[in-house]
Amino acid sequence: MDTTHRLQVTSSPAGLLFECADGCGRRLVVDGRSGELTVIDRGDPFARHVGANGGVELQPVVISQA
């Protein structure tokens, strides 16, 4: 079963904080300088998390076997 959770974003001069709006606890940060993504809390590892703020969009990664 595919479950999609929405990420809410809070922006600051240091970067962007994305938090799951559907209550699973996922939190991640995008560094404002380097663009590096750091997962703070994993939340539901089986849910697809999507969210956007301006030019930054987070969406599920599709992995295929060659």
Protein backbone atom coordinates (compact mmCIF):
# COMPACT_ATOMS: atom_id res chain seq x y z
CA MET A 1 0.00 0.00 0.00
CA ASP A 2 1.44 3.36 -1.04
CA THR A 3 1.05 6.03 1.59
CA THR A 4 2.08 9.60 0.79
CA HIS A 5 2.79 12.04 3.60
CA ARG A 6 3.07 15.80 3.14
CA LEU A 7 6.09 17.70 4.45
CA GLN A 8 5.62 21.18 5.92
CA VAL A 9 8.58 23.52 5.64
CA THR A 10 9.96 26.20 7.93
CA SER A 11 12.61 28.38 6.36
CA SER A 12 15.38 30.31 8.07
CA PRO A 13 18.63 31.94 6.93
CA ALA A 14 20.42 28.69 7.91
CA GLY A 15 18.26 26.48 5.67
CA LEU A 16 14.97 24.62 5.50
CA LEU A 17 13.35 22.32 8.07
CA PHE A 18 10.86 19.83 6.63
CA GLU A 19 8.46 18.11 9.07
CA CYS A 20 5.79 15.51 8.33
CA ALA A 21 2.36 17.17 8.44
CA ASP A 22 0.70 13.76 8.76
CA GLY A 23 2.17 13.06 12.18
CA CYS A 24 4.66 10.24 11.60
CA GLY A 25 7.54 12.27 13.02
CA ARG A 26 9.82 12.56 9.97
CA ARG A 27 12.05 15.64 10.12
CA LEU A 28 14.88 16.65 7.83
CA VAL A 29 16.99 19.72 7.16
CA VAL A 30 18.36 21.17 3.92
CA ASP A 31 21.44 23.29 4.63
CA GLY A 32 21.08 26.79 3.15
CA ARG A 33 24.74 27.00 2.07
CA SER A 34 25.68 23.55 0.83
CA GLY A 35 22.26 22.12 -0.02
CA GLU A 36 23.16 19.03 2.05
CA LEU A 37 20.17 17.03 3.26
CA THR A 38 20.23 15.61 6.81
CA VAL A 39 17.52 13.33 8.22
CA ILE A 40 16.90 14.19 11.88
CA ASP A 41 14.02 11.78 12.58
CA ARG A 42 13.15 8.99 10.17
CA GLY A 43 9.42 8.75 10.89
CA ASP A 44 7.51 6.17 8.86
CA PRO A 45 10.13 4.54 6.60
CA PHE A 46 7.43 3.04 4.36
CA ALA A 47 5.61 6.31 3.58
CA ARG A 48 6.54 8.44 0.58
CA HIS A 49 7.21 11.99 1.75
CA VAL A 50 6.77 15.00 -0.54
CA GLY A 51 7.08 18.73 0.03
CA ALA A 52 8.30 21.97 -1.53
CA ASN A 53 9.33 25.50 -0.73
CA GLY A 54 10.19 27.89 -3.54
CA GLY A 55 12.85 26.25 -5.68
CA VAL A 56 13.39 23.30 -3.32
CA GLU A 57 11.18 20.27 -3.93
CA LEU A 58 11.45 16.95 -2.11
CA GLN A 59 9.84 13.95 -3.70
CA PRO A 60 10.33 10.18 -3.57
CA VAL A 61 13.35 8.72 -5.28
CA VAL A 62 12.66 6.01 -7.83
CA ILE A 63 15.31 3.29 -7.85
CA SER A 64 15.39 0.84 -10.70
CA GLN A 65 17.64 -2.12 -11.31
CA ALA A 66 19.69 -2.04 -14.51
